[in-house]
């Protein structure tokens, strides 16, 4: 099962490398190509909030994992040897 997942992931990565530039080609657009200052500011504020939430989630998850791992290991040993 793991070998099959590795082959699929490798094939997907290869296809992304080959075909990745086709999706990056510029397209003809209608309207204003440049964002306004207000749009750029709102995007910056939203991005900062998302970055803060992601960092807080990462730190909380790591802290929880470090704090709970010894108890989880001890609890799993208790079931097998007790």
Protein backbone atom coordinates (compact mmCIF):
# COMPACT_ATOMS: atom_id res chain seq x y z
CA UNK A 1 0.00 0.00 0.00
CA UNK A 2 2.79 2.41 0.90
CA UNK A 3 4.68 1.61 -2.30
CA UNK A 4 1.60 2.39 -4.39
CA UNK A 5 1.13 5.73 -2.61
CA UNK A 6 4.78 6.63 -3.32
CA UNK A 7 4.39 5.84 -7.01
CA UNK A 8 1.23 7.94 -7.27
CA UNK A 9 2.88 10.85 -5.42
CA UNK A 10 5.97 10.62 -7.67
CA UNK A 11 3.84 10.59 -10.82
CA UNK A 12 1.85 13.58 -9.60
CA UNK A 13 5.04 15.51 -8.80
CA UNK A 14 6.45 14.73 -12.25
CA UNK A 15 3.30 15.88 -14.00
CA UNK A 16 3.29 19.08 -11.97
CA UNK A 17 6.89 19.80 -13.00
CA UNK A 18 6.18 19.19 -16.67
CA UNK A 19 2.79 20.84 -16.94
CA UNK A 20 3.18 23.50 -14.27
CA UNK A 21 4.15 26.29 -16.64
CA UNK A 22 1.11 25.81 -18.88
CA UNK A 23 -1.14 27.06 -16.11
CA UNK A 24 1.08 30.04 -15.38
CA UNK A 25 0.75 31.58 -18.82
CA UNK A 26 -0.79 35.06 -18.80
CA UNK A 27 -4.43 35.29 -19.80
CA UNK A 28 -6.17 38.20 -21.47
CA UNK A 29 -8.18 40.03 -18.82
CA UNK A 30 -10.78 42.75 -18.98
CA UNK A 31 -11.00 45.54 -16.43
CA UNK A 32 -8.50 47.15 -14.09
CA UNK A 33 -5.33 45.01 -13.89
CA UNK A 34 -3.92 46.84 -10.86
CA UNK A 35 -5.54 46.57 -7.42
CA UNK A 36 -6.48 49.70 -5.54
CA UNK A 37 -4.75 50.63 -2.30
CA UNK A 38 -7.85 49.60 -0.35
CA UNK A 39 -7.92 46.17 -1.99
CA UNK A 40 -4.22 45.64 -1.32
CA UNK A 41 -4.61 46.76 2.30
CA UNK A 42 -7.57 44.43 2.90
CA UNK A 43 -5.69 41.51 1.36
CA UNK A 44 -2.65 42.26 3.54
CA UNK A 45 -4.76 42.39 6.71
CA UNK A 46 -6.58 39.13 5.85
CA UNK A 47 -3.28 37.44 5.03
CA UNK A 48 -1.77 38.56 8.32
CA UNK A 49 -4.74 37.16 10.20
CA UNK A 50 -4.46 33.85 8.37
CA UNK A 51 -0.72 33.72 9.05
CA UNK A 52 -1.29 34.40 12.75
CA UNK A 53 -3.97 31.72 12.97
CA UNK A 54 -1.75 29.20 11.20
CA UNK A 55 1.23 29.94 13.43
CA UNK A 56 -0.90 29.72 16.57
CA UNK A 57 -2.36 26.41 15.40
CA UNK A 58 1.10 25.03 14.67
CA UNK A 59 2.46 26.04 18.08
CA UNK A 60 -0.61 24.75 19.93
CA UNK A 61 -0.48 21.44 18.09
CA UNK A 62 3.24 21.00 18.75
CA UNK A 63 2.86 21.90 22.43
CA UNK A 64 -0.07 19.52 22.84
CA UNK A 65 1.85 16.74 21.10
CA UNK A 66 4.91 17.22 23.28
CA UNK A 67 2.86 17.45 26.46
CA UNK A 68 0.64 14.43 25.73
CA UNK A 69 3.08 12.03 24.04
CA UNK A 70 4.63 10.60 27.24
CA UNK A 71 1.19 9.94 28.72
CA UNK A 72 -0.03 8.33 25.51
CA UNK A 73 3.02 6.06 25.31
CA UNK A 74 2.67 5.05 28.96
CA UNK A 75 -1.04 4.37 28.48
CA UNK A 76 -0.40 2.19 25.42
CA UNK A 77 2.20 0.15 27.33
CA UNK A 78 -0.24 -0.34 30.18
CA UNK A 79 -2.73 -2.10 27.90
CA UNK A 80 -0.16 -4.47 26.45
CA UNK A 81 1.76 -5.37 29.60
CA UNK A 82 -0.87 -5.00 32.30
